[in-house]
Amino acid sequence: MASFDIDPGFAKQLEWIRAFVAEEVEPLDLAFGGEEVIYDKTHPVHDAFIRPLQERVRAEGLWSSHLTPELGGQGYGQVHLAYMNEILGRSAFAPSVFGCQAPDSGNAEILAHYGTDEQKKRFLAPLLEGRISSCYSMTEPQGGADPSLFTTSARRDGDEWVIEGEKWFSSSFERAAFIIVMAVTDPDVSVYQGTSMFLIPAGTPGLEIIRHTGMGYDREGAGKGPPLNNTRGIIWVRGVVLRGSRRVLRDSDAASRRAPEAGNGWCDGRSTRSRRTGSCGRGVGDEHVDGQQGGA
């Protein structure tokens, strides 16, 4: 059973976080609050105000605490993170100041585990440094976030991957340097083995925004919310072509690549597989990484 006790050392850190957010971060919400500023890392507010605060967070050893130490974090467990997020959730800017804003935090973990060296250099490093934003595109209009109802598909066409379908609730798409899209790669097997994730760089031909809508305090058509088609939030992913320099290995082709230690799976930048039960196929990259890790 998880212990929810707070050790004295972490209690002091929480007090620092509480005071820091109230005194230094929350005033930024009143002065500059708005998704167009928070997620646009090139906005002057970030250089002038956010990055100096991020350096103070780093000095306290609290930057990206959800990540492991080799990625610059503290490797805090869920209990510690829950106590931190209870405070950070009071401010729109606080997650960015502490390097744990969604969806960048989850996308960083995907890239850290499954990205190629080139993808980590191009996308993961600046993401961890807070210099770019990302987008996670999963939800579909006919089934919400239930992967068993997804129809967005990815198929191999020679040396390319073609993704076709509809996505909605793809928040901050216009300000993202890349998006990670979940698509069905094998409709003939369980969704847990037949879905994968793809990294799509911003500006890839074929991405079409049908319409914007406001979310929360935004007005209709303000452009801050997810793309919409009629009354449903949709980002169309039509004929998106992802070029790969390497042949993609299916699990059946890569059986001989099993890692020596049970449970570690294999990963050579082309094919990744985890032997966890109830897992979901995941792929990351301009070249697709065919793998399984984590639940849907």
C-alpha atoms as a PDB file:
ATOM      1  CA  MET A   1       0.000   0.000   0.000  1.00  0.00           C
ATOM      2  CA  ALA A   2       1.320   3.442  -0.904  1.00  0.00           C
ATOM      3  CA  SER A   3       2.301   5.706   1.954  1.00  0.00           C
ATOM      4  CA  PHE A   4       0.948   9.226   1.810  1.00  0.00           C
ATOM      5  CA  ASP A   5       3.210  10.471   4.572  1.00  0.00           C
ATOM      6  CA  ILE A   6       5.359  13.490   3.717  1.00  0.00           C
ATOM      7  CA  ASP A   7       8.949  13.271   4.868  1.00  0.00           C
ATOM      8  CA  PRO A   8      10.353  16.438   6.481  1.00  0.00           C
ATOM      9  CA  GLY A   9      12.726  17.193   3.600  1.00  0.00           C
ATOM     10  CA  PHE A  10       9.994  17.092   0.993  1.00  0.00           C
ATOM     11  CA  ALA A  11       7.654  19.054   3.272  1.00  0.00           C
ATOM     12  CA  LYS A  12      10.163  21.923   3.162  1.00  0.00           C
ATOM     13  CA  GLN A  13      10.249  21.714  -0.618  1.00  0.00           C
ATOM     14  CA  LEU A  14       6.467  21.903  -0.745  1.00  0.00           C
ATOM     15  CA  GLU A  15       6.533  25.033   1.399  1.00  0.00           C
ATOM     16  CA  TRP A  16       9.036  26.583  -1.010  1.00  0.00           C
ATOM     17  CA  ILE A  17       6.869  25.603  -3.995  1.00  0.00           C
ATOM     18  CA  ARG A  18       3.760  27.030  -2.354  1.00  0.00           C
ATOM     19  CA  ALA A  19       5.377  30.393  -1.624  1.00  0.00           C
ATOM     20  CA  PHE A  20       7.170  30.558  -4.972  1.00  0.00           C
ATOM     21  CA  VAL A  21       4.015  29.881  -6.985  1.00  0.00           C
ATOM     22  CA  ALA A  22       1.936  32.360  -4.986  1.00  0.00           C
ATOM     23  CA  GLU A  23       4.497  35.165  -5.036  1.00  0.00           C
ATOM     24  CA  GLU A  24       6.290  34.729  -8.360  1.00  0.00           C
ATOM     25  CA  VAL A  25       4.158  32.669 -10.719  1.00  0.00           C
ATOM     26  CA  GLU A  26       0.495  33.424 -10.074  1.00  0.00           C
ATOM     27  CA  PRO A  27       0.952  37.159 -10.832  1.00  0.00           C
ATOM     28  CA  LEU A  28       1.968  36.135 -14.361  1.00  0.00           C
ATOM     29  CA  ASP A  29      -1.482  34.607 -14.852  1.00  0.00           C
ATOM     30  CA  LEU A  30      -3.051  38.014 -14.279  1.00  0.00           C
ATOM     31  CA  ALA A  31      -0.579  39.825 -16.506  1.00  0.00           C
ATOM     32  CA  PHE A  32      -0.092  37.397 -19.390  1.00  0.00           C
ATOM     33  CA  GLY A  33      -2.471  34.460 -18.918  1.00  0.00           C
ATOM     34  CA  GLY A  34      -3.693  32.832 -22.110  1.00  0.00           C
ATOM     35  CA  GLU A  35      -2.884  29.665 -24.005  1.00  0.00           C
ATOM     36  CA  GLU A  36      -1.357  31.635 -26.875  1.00  0.00           C
ATOM     37  CA  VAL A  37       1.335  32.840 -24.458  1.00  0.00           C
ATOM     38  CA  ILE A  38       1.723  29.776 -22.245  1.00  0.00           C
ATOM     39  CA  TYR A  39       2.312  27.305 -25.072  1.00  0.00           C
ATOM     40  CA  ASP A  40       4.108  29.610 -27.515  1.00  0.00           C
ATOM     41  CA  LYS A  41       7.671  29.214 -26.277  1.00  0.00           C
ATOM     42  CA  THR A  42       8.885  31.906 -28.686  1.00  0.00           C
ATOM     43  CA  HIS A  43       6.691  34.557 -27.060  1.00  0.00           C
ATOM     44  CA  PRO A  44       8.813  37.328 -25.436  1.00  0.00           C
ATOM     45  CA  VAL A  45       7.188  36.612 -22.067  1.00  0.00           C
ATOM     46  CA  HIS A  46       9.125  33.347 -21.848  1.00  0.00           C
ATOM     47  CA  ASP A  47      12.558  34.930 -22.206  1.00  0.00           C
ATOM     48  CA  ALA A  48      11.690  37.878 -20.005  1.00  0.00           C
ATOM     49  CA  PHE A  49       9.836  36.143 -17.177  1.00  0.00           C
ATOM     50  CA  ILE A  50       9.422  32.366 -17.470  1.00  0.00           C
ATOM     51  CA  ARG A  51      12.991  31.209 -18.112  1.00  0.00           C
ATOM     52  CA  PRO A  52      14.473  33.133 -15.144  1.00  0.00           C
ATOM     53  CA  LEU A  53      11.888  31.435 -12.921  1.00  0.00           C
ATOM     54  CA  GLN A  54      12.734  28.062 -14.469  1.00  0.00           C
ATOM     55  CA  GLU A  55      16.379  28.569 -13.504  1.00  0.00           C
ATOM     56  CA  ARG A  56      15.346  29.128  -9.903  1.00  0.00           C
ATOM     57  CA  VAL A  57      13.313  25.915  -9.995  1.00  0.00           C
ATOM     58  CA  ARG A  58      16.354  24.057 -11.365  1.00  0.00           C
ATOM     59  CA  ALA A  59      18.489  25.483  -8.587  1.00  0.00           C
ATOM     60  CA  GLU A  60      16.044  24.025  -6.071  1.00  0.00           C
ATOM     61  CA  GLY A  61      16.260  20.613  -7.739  1.00  0.00           C
ATOM     62  CA  LEU A  62      12.582  20.603  -8.697  1.00  0.00           C
ATOM     63  CA  TRP A  63      12.759  20.839 -12.494  1.00  0.00           C
ATOM     64  CA  SER A  64      10.854  18.087 -14.389  1.00  0.00           C
ATOM     65  CA  SER A  65      10.551  16.038 -11.220  1.00  0.00           C
ATOM     66  CA  HIS A  66       8.530  13.351 -13.018  1.00  0.00           C
ATOM     67  CA  LEU A  67      11.575  12.437 -15.111  1.00  0.00           C
ATOM     68  CA  THR A  68      14.469  10.207 -14.109  1.00  0.00           C
ATOM     69  CA  PRO A  69      17.788  11.804 -13.061  1.00  0.00           C
ATOM     70  CA  GLU A  70      19.511  10.974 -16.367  1.00  0.00           C
ATOM     71  CA  LEU A  71      16.927  13.213 -18.079  1.00  0.00           C
ATOM     72  CA  GLY A  72      17.387  15.993 -15.565  1.00  0.00           C
ATOM     73  CA  GLY A  73      14.555  15.148 -13.187  1.00  0.00           C
ATOM     74  CA  GLN A  74      14.244  13.770  -9.684  1.00  0.00           C
ATOM     75  CA  GLY A  75      12.373  10.551 -10.417  1.00  0.00           C
ATOM     76  CA  TYR A  76       9.691  11.421  -7.891  1.00  0.00           C
ATOM     77  CA  GLY A  77       6.921   8.876  -7.489  1.00  0.00           C
ATOM     78  CA  GLN A  78       3.245   9.564  -7.971  1.00  0.00           C
ATOM     79  CA  VAL A  79       2.613  10.543  -4.361  1.00  0.00           C
ATOM     80  CA  HIS A  80       5.251  13.291  -4.404  1.00  0.00           C
ATOM     81  CA  LEU A  81       4.007  14.501  -7.782  1.00  0.00           C
ATOM     82  CA  ALA A  82       0.417  14.584  -6.534  1.00  0.00           C
ATOM     83  CA  TYR A  83       1.383  16.900  -3.686  1.00  0.00           C
ATOM     84  CA  MET A  84       3.326  19.118  -6.078  1.00  0.00           C
ATOM     85  CA  ASN A  85       0.542  19.257  -8.652  1.00  0.00           C
ATOM     86  CA  GLU A  86      -1.941  20.217  -5.974  1.00  0.00           C
ATOM     87  CA  ILE A  87      -0.003  23.483  -5.768  1.00  0.00           C
ATOM     88  CA  LEU A  88       1.018  23.864  -9.412  1.00  0.00           C
ATOM     89  CA  GLY A  89      -2.575  23.441 -10.551  1.00  0.00           C
ATOM     90  CA  ARG A  90      -3.434  26.824  -9.097  1.00  0.00           C
ATOM     91  CA  SER A  91      -1.558  28.623 -11.877  1.00  0.00           C
ATOM     92  CA  ALA A  92      -1.699  28.308 -15.650  1.00  0.00           C
ATOM     93  CA  PHE A  93       2.020  29.096 -15.904  1.00  0.00           C
ATOM     94  CA  ALA A  94       3.257  26.966 -12.992  1.00  0.00           C
ATOM     95  CA  PRO A  95       3.540  23.624 -14.848  1.00  0.00           C
ATOM     96  CA  SER A  96       5.666  25.318 -17.528  1.00  0.00           C
ATOM     97  CA  VAL A  97       7.812  26.986 -14.892  1.00  0.00           C
ATOM     98  CA  PHE A  98       8.428  23.581 -13.272  1.00  0.00           C
ATOM     99  CA  GLY A  99       8.903  21.711 -16.555  1.00  0.00           C
ATOM    100  CA  CYS A 100       5.962  19.344 -16.136  1.00  0.00           C
ATOM    101  CA  GLN A 101       3.217  20.809 -18.336  1.00  0.00           C
ATOM    102  CA  ALA A 102       0.895  18.539 -20.289  1.00  0.00           C
ATOM    103  CA  PRO A 103       1.067  17.095 -22.840  1.00  0.00           C
ATOM    104  CA  ASP A 104       4.812  17.730 -23.004  1.00  0.00           C
ATOM    105  CA  SER A 105       5.536  15.682 -19.891  1.00  0.00           C
ATOM    106  CA  GLY A 106       3.940  12.527 -21.306  1.00  0.00           C
ATOM    107  CA  ASN A 107       5.334  13.075 -24.799  1.00  0.00           C
ATOM    108  CA  ALA A 108       8.811  13.469 -23.321  1.00  0.00           C
ATOM    109  CA  GLU A 109       8.516  10.093 -21.627  1.00  0.00           C
ATOM    110  CA  ILE A 110       7.448   8.459 -24.902  1.00  0.00           C
ATOM    111  CA  LEU A 111      10.401   9.978 -26.732  1.00  0.00           C
ATOM    112  CA  ALA A 112      12.801   9.097 -23.932  1.00  0.00           C
ATOM    113  CA  HIS A 113      11.797   5.433 -24.069  1.00  0.00           C
ATOM    114  CA  TYR A 114      11.189   4.922 -27.782  1.00  0.00           C
ATOM    115  CA  GLY A 115      12.673   7.772 -29.808  1.00  0.00           C
ATOM    116  CA  THR A 116      15.728   7.407 -32.003  1.00  0.00           C
ATOM    117  CA  ASP A 117      18.893   9.359 -31.206  1.00  0.00           C
ATOM    118  CA  GLU A 118      18.055  11.791 -33.992  1.00  0.00           C
ATOM    119  CA  GLN A 119      14.524  12.355 -32.668  1.00  0.00           C
ATOM    120  CA  LYS A 120      15.788  12.865 -29.130  1.00  0.00           C
ATOM    121  CA  LYS A 121      18.252  15.479 -30.338  1.00  0.00           C
ATOM    122  CA  ARG A 122      15.710  17.271 -32.525  1.00  0.00           C
ATOM    123  CA  PHE A 123      12.644  17.079 -30.291  1.00  0.00           C
ATOM    124  CA  LEU A 124      13.305  15.680 -26.811  1.00  0.00           C
ATOM    125  CA  ALA A 125      16.214  17.936 -25.839  1.00  0.00           C
ATOM    126  CA  PRO A 126      14.439  21.243 -26.612  1.00  0.00           C
ATOM    127  CA  LEU A 127      11.221  19.869 -25.098  1.00  0.00           C
ATOM    128  CA  LEU A 128      12.981  19.133 -21.804  1.00  0.00           C
ATOM    129  CA  GLU A 129      14.609  22.547 -21.890  1.00  0.00           C
ATOM    130  CA  GLY A 130      11.210  24.204 -22.238  1.00  0.00           C
ATOM    131  CA  ARG A 131      12.032  25.740 -25.634  1.00  0.00           C
ATOM    132  CA  ILE A 132       9.262  24.031 -27.643  1.00  0.00           C
ATOM    133  CA  SER A 133       5.748  22.700 -27.085  1.00  0.00           C
ATOM    134  CA  SER A 134       4.169  19.503 -28.365  1.00  0.00           C
ATOM    135  CA  CYS A 135       0.718  18.099 -29.069  1.00  0.00           C
ATOM    136  CA  TYR A 136      -0.855  14.717 -28.326  1.00  0.00           C
ATOM    137  CA  SER A 137      -3.541  13.690 -30.818  1.00  0.00           C
ATOM    138  CA  MET A 138      -5.547  10.678 -29.671  1.00  0.00           C
ATOM    139  CA  THR A 139      -9.279  11.407 -29.255  1.00  0.00           C
ATOM    140  CA  GLU A 140     -11.635  10.714 -32.165  1.00  0.00           C
ATOM    141  CA  PRO A 141     -15.184  12.028 -32.745  1.00  0.00           C
ATOM    142  CA  GLN A 142     -16.945   8.664 -32.875  1.00  0.00           C
ATOM    143  CA  GLY A 143     -15.438   7.124 -29.748  1.00  0.00           C
ATOM    144  CA  GLY A 144     -13.713   9.720 -27.619  1.00  0.00           C
ATOM    145  CA  ALA A 145     -10.489   8.371 -26.107  1.00  0.00           C
ATOM    146  CA  ASP A 146     -11.438   4.687 -26.360  1.00  0.00           C
ATOM    147  CA  PRO A 147      -8.766   3.145 -28.660  1.00  0.00           C
ATOM    148  CA  SER A 148     -10.994   0.149 -29.414  1.00  0.00           C
ATOM    149  CA  LEU A 149     -13.243   2.509 -31.418  1.00  0.00           C
ATOM    150  CA  PHE A 150     -10.487   4.310 -33.334  1.00  0.00           C
ATOM    151  CA  THR A 151     -10.655   4.436 -37.117  1.00  0.00           C
ATOM    152  CA  THR A 152      -7.596   6.579 -37.846  1.00  0.00           C
ATOM    153  CA  SER A 153      -5.259   4.210 -39.656  1.00  0.00           C
ATOM    154  CA  ALA A 154      -1.605   4.058 -40.616  1.00  0.00           C
ATOM    155  CA  ARG A 155      -0.478   1.915 -43.504  1.00  0.00           C
ATOM    156  CA  ARG A 156       2.867   1.212 -45.034  1.00  0.00           C
ATOM    157  CA  ASP A 157       3.349   2.389 -48.630  1.00  0.00           C
ATOM    158  CA  GLY A 158       6.858   1.521 -49.794  1.00  0.00           C
ATOM    159  CA  ASP A 159       9.274   3.573 -47.685  1.00  0.00           C
ATOM    160  CA  GLU A 160       6.493   5.779 -46.344  1.00  0.00           C
ATOM    161  CA  TRP A 161       3.718   5.683 -43.769  1.00  0.00           C
ATOM    162  CA  VAL A 162       0.347   7.130 -44.759  1.00  0.00           C
ATOM    163  CA  ILE A 163      -1.986   8.172 -41.922  1.00  0.00           C
ATOM    164  CA  GLU A 164      -5.646   8.858 -42.635  1.00  0.00           C
ATOM    165  CA  GLY A 165      -8.405   9.793 -40.227  1.00  0.00           C
ATOM    166  CA  GLU A 166      -9.891  12.369 -37.872  1.00  0.00           C
ATOM    167  CA  LYS A 167      -8.686  13.567 -34.491  1.00  0.00           C
ATOM    168  CA  TRP A 168     -10.149  16.063 -32.086  1.00  0.00           C
ATOM    169  CA  PHE A 169      -9.108  17.752 -28.835  1.00  0.00           C
ATOM    170  CA  SER A 170      -5.593  18.172 -30.238  1.00  0.00           C
ATOM    171  CA  SER A 171      -4.826  21.061 -27.918  1.00  0.00           C
ATOM    172  CA  SER A 172      -2.103  23.576 -28.830  1.00  0.00           C
ATOM    173  CA  PHE A 173      -1.637  21.995 -32.249  1.00  0.00           C
ATOM    174  CA  GLU A 174      -0.815  25.321 -33.901  1.00  0.00           C
ATOM    175  CA  ARG A 175       1.957  26.098 -31.429  1.00  0.00           C
ATOM    176  CA  ALA A 176       3.478  22.618 -31.294  1.00  0.00           C
ATOM    177  CA  ALA A 177       6.805  21.647 -32.860  1.00  0.00           C
ATOM    178  CA  PHE A 178       5.504  18.120 -33.294  1.00  0.00           C
ATOM    179  CA  ILE A 179       2.450  15.992 -32.589  1.00  0.00           C
ATOM    180  CA  ILE A 180       2.214  12.384 -31.499  1.00  0.00           C
ATOM    181  CA  VAL A 181      -0.702  10.583 -33.148  1.00  0.00           C
ATOM    182  CA  MET A 182      -2.174   7.230 -32.157  1.00  0.00           C
ATOM    183  CA  ALA A 183      -3.319   5.195 -35.162  1.00  0.00           C
ATOM    184  CA  VAL A 184      -4.440   1.656 -35.948  1.00  0.00           C
ATOM    185  CA  THR A 185      -1.689  -0.244 -37.751  1.00  0.00           C
ATOM    186  CA  ASP A 186      -3.239  -3.723 -37.627  1.00  0.00           C
ATOM    187  CA  PRO A 187      -7.065  -3.888 -37.440  1.00  0.00           C
ATOM    188  CA  ASP A 188      -7.067  -7.691 -37.362  1.00  0.00           C
ATOM    189  CA  VAL A 189      -5.640  -8.023 -33.843  1.00  0.00           C
ATOM    190  CA  SER A 190      -6.517  -6.664 -30.410  1.00  0.00           C
ATOM    191  CA  VAL A 191      -6.220  -2.891 -30.041  1.00  0.00           C
ATOM    192  CA  TYR A 192      -3.505  -3.547 -27.470  1.00  0.00           C
ATOM    193  CA  GLN A 193      -1.296  -5.077 -30.144  1.00  0.00           C
ATOM    194  CA  GLY A 194      -2.578  -3.242 -33.211  1.00  0.00           C
ATOM    195  CA  THR A 195      -2.231   0.465 -32.396  1.00  0.00           C
ATOM    196  CA  SER A 196       0.920   2.537 -32.680  1.00  0.00           C
ATOM    197  CA  MET A 197       2.078   6.087 -32.120  1.00  0.00           C
ATOM    198  CA  PHE A 198       3.736   8.298 -34.710  1.00  0.00           C
ATOM    199  CA  LEU A 199       5.760  11.454 -34.299  1.00  0.00           C
ATOM    200  CA  ILE A 200       4.695  13.996 -36.923  1.00  0.00           C
ATOM    201  CA  PRO A 201       6.803  17.165 -37.243  1.00  0.00           C
ATOM    202  CA  ALA A 202       4.882  20.415 -37.476  1.00  0.00           C
ATOM    203  CA  GLY A 203       4.299  21.491 -41.049  1.00  0.00           C
ATOM    204  CA  THR A 204       4.030  17.952 -42.443  1.00  0.00           C
ATOM    205  CA  PRO A 205       1.889  18.106 -45.613  1.00  0.00           C
ATOM    206  CA  GLY A 206      -1.627  16.757 -45.206  1.00  0.00           C
ATOM    207  CA  LEU A 207      -2.546  18.149 -41.808  1.00  0.00           C
ATOM    208  CA  GLU A 208      -5.749  20.149 -42.202  1.00  0.00           C
ATOM    209  CA  ILE A 209      -7.509  22.213 -39.551  1.00  0.00           C
ATOM    210  CA  ILE A 210     -11.209  22.413 -40.352  1.00  0.00           C
ATOM    211  CA  ARG A 211     -12.314  25.004 -37.809  1.00  0.00           C
ATOM    212  CA  HIS A 212     -11.409  26.414 -34.403  1.00  0.00           C
ATOM    213  CA  THR A 213     -13.594  26.876 -31.391  1.00  0.00           C
ATOM    214  CA  GLY A 214     -13.126  28.568 -28.063  1.00  0.00           C
ATOM    215  CA  MET A 215     -12.614  26.589 -24.887  1.00  0.00           C
ATOM    216  CA  GLY A 216     -13.453  27.822 -21.396  1.00  0.00           C
ATOM    217  CA  TYR A 217     -13.191  31.593 -21.410  1.00  0.00           C
ATOM    218  CA  ASP A 218     -12.438  31.815 -25.157  1.00  0.00           C
ATOM    219  CA  ARG A 219     -15.022  33.054 -27.617  1.00  0.00           C
ATOM    220  CA  GLU A 220     -16.228  30.843 -30.473  1.00  0.00           C
ATOM    221  CA  GLY A 221     -13.728  30.848 -33.333  1.00  0.00           C
ATOM    222  CA  ALA A 222     -11.030  32.479 -31.224  1.00  0.00           C
ATOM    223  CA  GLY A 223      -8.536  29.886 -32.356  1.00  0.00           C
ATOM    224  CA  LYS A 224      -7.290  28.834 -28.946  1.00  0.00           C
ATOM    225  CA  GLY A 225      -9.241  25.606 -28.652  1.00  0.00           C
ATOM    226  CA  PRO A 226      -9.117  22.352 -30.602  1.00  0.00           C
ATOM    227  CA  PRO A 227      -9.907  22.277 -34.315  1.00  0.00           C
ATOM    228  CA  LEU A 228     -13.583  21.622 -35.058  1.00  0.00           C
ATOM    229  CA  ASN A 229     -15.749  20.420 -37.896  1.00  0.00           C
ATOM    230  CA  ASN A 230     -19.346  21.608 -37.496  1.00  0.00           C
ATOM    231  CA  THR A 231     -19.995  21.025 -33.774  1.00  0.00           C
ATOM    232  CA  ARG A 232     -17.330  18.401 -33.160  1.00  0.00           C
ATOM    233  CA  GLY A 233     -13.685  19.085 -32.421  1.00  0.00           C
ATOM    234  CA  ILE A 234     -11.694  17.430 -35.168  1.00  0.00           C
ATOM    235  CA  ILE A 235      -8.212  17.671 -36.530  1.00  0.00           C
ATOM    236  CA  TRP A 236      -8.131  15.936 -39.879  1.00  0.00           C
ATOM    237  CA  VAL A 237      -5.079  13.872 -40.634  1.00  0.00           C
ATOM    238  CA  ARG A 238      -5.476  13.171 -44.336  1.00  0.00           C
ATOM    239  CA  GLY A 239      -2.765  11.505 -46.368  1.00  0.00           C
ATOM    240  CA  VAL A 240      -0.003  12.414 -43.937  1.00  0.00           C
ATOM    241  CA  VAL A 241       3.165  10.869 -45.287  1.00  0.00           C
ATOM    242  CA  LEU A 242       5.979   9.975 -42.893  1.00  0.00           C
ATOM    243  CA  ARG A 243       9.236   9.077 -44.549  1.00  0.00           C
ATOM    244  CA  GLY A 244      11.471   6.450 -42.968  1.00  0.00           C
ATOM    245  CA  SER A 245      15.080   5.717 -43.715  1.00  0.00           C
ATOM    246  CA  ARG A 246      14.938   2.233 -42.212  1.00  0.00           C
ATOM    247  CA  ARG A 247      12.842  -0.834 -42.809  1.00  0.00           C
ATOM    248  CA  VAL A 248      10.195  -1.256 -40.137  1.00  0.00           C
ATOM    249  CA  LEU A 249      10.177  -4.602 -38.352  1.00  0.00           C
ATOM    250  CA  ARG A 250       6.951  -6.213 -37.289  1.00  0.00           C
ATOM    251  CA  ASP A 251       7.010  -8.196 -34.040  1.00  0.00           C
ATOM    252  CA  SER A 252       6.867 -11.441 -36.037  1.00  0.00           C
ATOM    253  CA  ASP A 253       9.960 -10.385 -37.998  1.00  0.00           C
ATOM    254  CA  ALA A 254      11.929  -9.390 -34.923  1.00  0.00           C
ATOM    255  CA  ALA A 255      11.487 -12.434 -32.717  1.00  0.00           C
ATOM    256  CA  SER A 256      15.218 -13.100 -32.770  1.00  0.00           C
ATOM    257  CA  ARG A 257      15.911  -9.653 -31.328  1.00  0.00           C
ATOM    258  CA  ARG A 258      14.628 -10.455 -27.854  1.00  0.00           C
ATOM    259  CA  ALA A 259      16.729  -8.772 -25.177  1.00  0.00           C
ATOM    260  CA  PRO A 260      18.612 -11.075 -22.802  1.00  0.00           C
ATOM    261  CA  GLU A 261      16.822  -9.865 -19.665  1.00  0.00           C
ATOM    262  CA  ALA A 262      13.158 -10.802 -19.332  1.00  0.00           C
ATOM    263  CA  GLY A 263      10.834  -7.819 -19.438  1.00  0.00           C
ATOM    264  CA  ASN A 264      13.335  -5.442 -21.032  1.00  0.00           C
ATOM    265  CA  GLY A 265      12.060  -6.077 -24.553  1.00  0.00           C
ATOM    266  CA  TRP A 266      14.157  -5.032 -27.519  1.00  0.00           C
ATOM    267  CA  CYS A 267      14.889  -1.699 -29.127  1.00  0.00           C
ATOM    268  CA  ASP A 268      17.228  -0.968 -31.995  1.00  0.00           C
ATOM    269  CA  GLY A 269      15.595   2.230 -33.232  1.00  0.00           C
ATOM    270  CA  ARG A 270      13.415   0.240 -35.623  1.00  0.00           C
ATOM    271  CA  SER A 271      11.381  -2.100 -33.458  1.00  0.00           C
ATOM    272  CA  THR A 272      10.490  -1.957 -29.783  1.00  0.00           C
ATOM    273  CA  ARG A 273       8.521  -4.426 -27.775  1.00  0.00           C
ATOM    274  CA  SER A 274       7.751  -4.746 -24.098  1.00  0.00           C
ATOM    275  CA  ARG A 275       6.595  -8.036 -22.648  1.00  0.00           C
ATOM    276  CA  ARG A 276       4.124  -6.455 -20.239  1.00  0.00           C
ATOM    277  CA  THR A 277       0.619  -7.855 -20.295  1.00  0.00           C
ATOM    278  CA  GLY A 278      -2.327  -5.695 -21.331  1.00  0.00           C
ATOM    279  CA  SER A 279      -0.061  -3.336 -23.199  1.00  0.00           C
ATOM    280  CA  CYS A 280      -0.687  -1.020 -26.133  1.00  0.00           C
ATOM    281  CA  GLY A 281       1.289  -0.855 -29.366  1.00  0.00           C
ATOM    282  CA  ARG A 282       3.294   2.333 -29.616  1.00  0.00           C
ATOM    283  CA  GLY A 283       5.385   3.812 -32.375  1.00  0.00           C
ATOM    284  CA  VAL A 284       7.414   7.000 -32.406  1.00  0.00           C
ATOM    285  CA  GLY A 285       9.123   8.526 -35.325  1.00  0.00           C
ATOM    286  CA  ASP A 286       9.552   9.625 -38.895  1.00  0.00           C
ATOM    287  CA  GLU A 287      10.485   5.981 -39.063  1.00  0.00           C
ATOM    288  CA  HIS A 288       7.811   4.081 -37.155  1.00  0.00           C
ATOM    289  CA  VAL A 289       8.861   2.279 -33.994  1.00  0.00           C
ATOM    290  CA  ASP A 290       6.577  -0.696 -33.663  1.00  0.00           C
ATOM    291  CA  GLY A 291       6.166  -1.473 -30.020  1.00  0.00           C
ATOM    292  CA  GLN A 292       4.066  -2.213 -26.987  1.00  0.00           C
ATOM    293  CA  GLN A 293       4.220  -0.395 -23.708  1.00  0.00           C
ATOM    294  CA  GLY A 294       1.668   0.916 -21.287  1.00  0.00           C
ATOM    295  CA  GLY A 295      -2.104   0.757 -21.332  1.00  0.00           C
ATOM    296  CA  ALA A 296      -4.406   2.630 -23.680  1.00  0.00           C
END
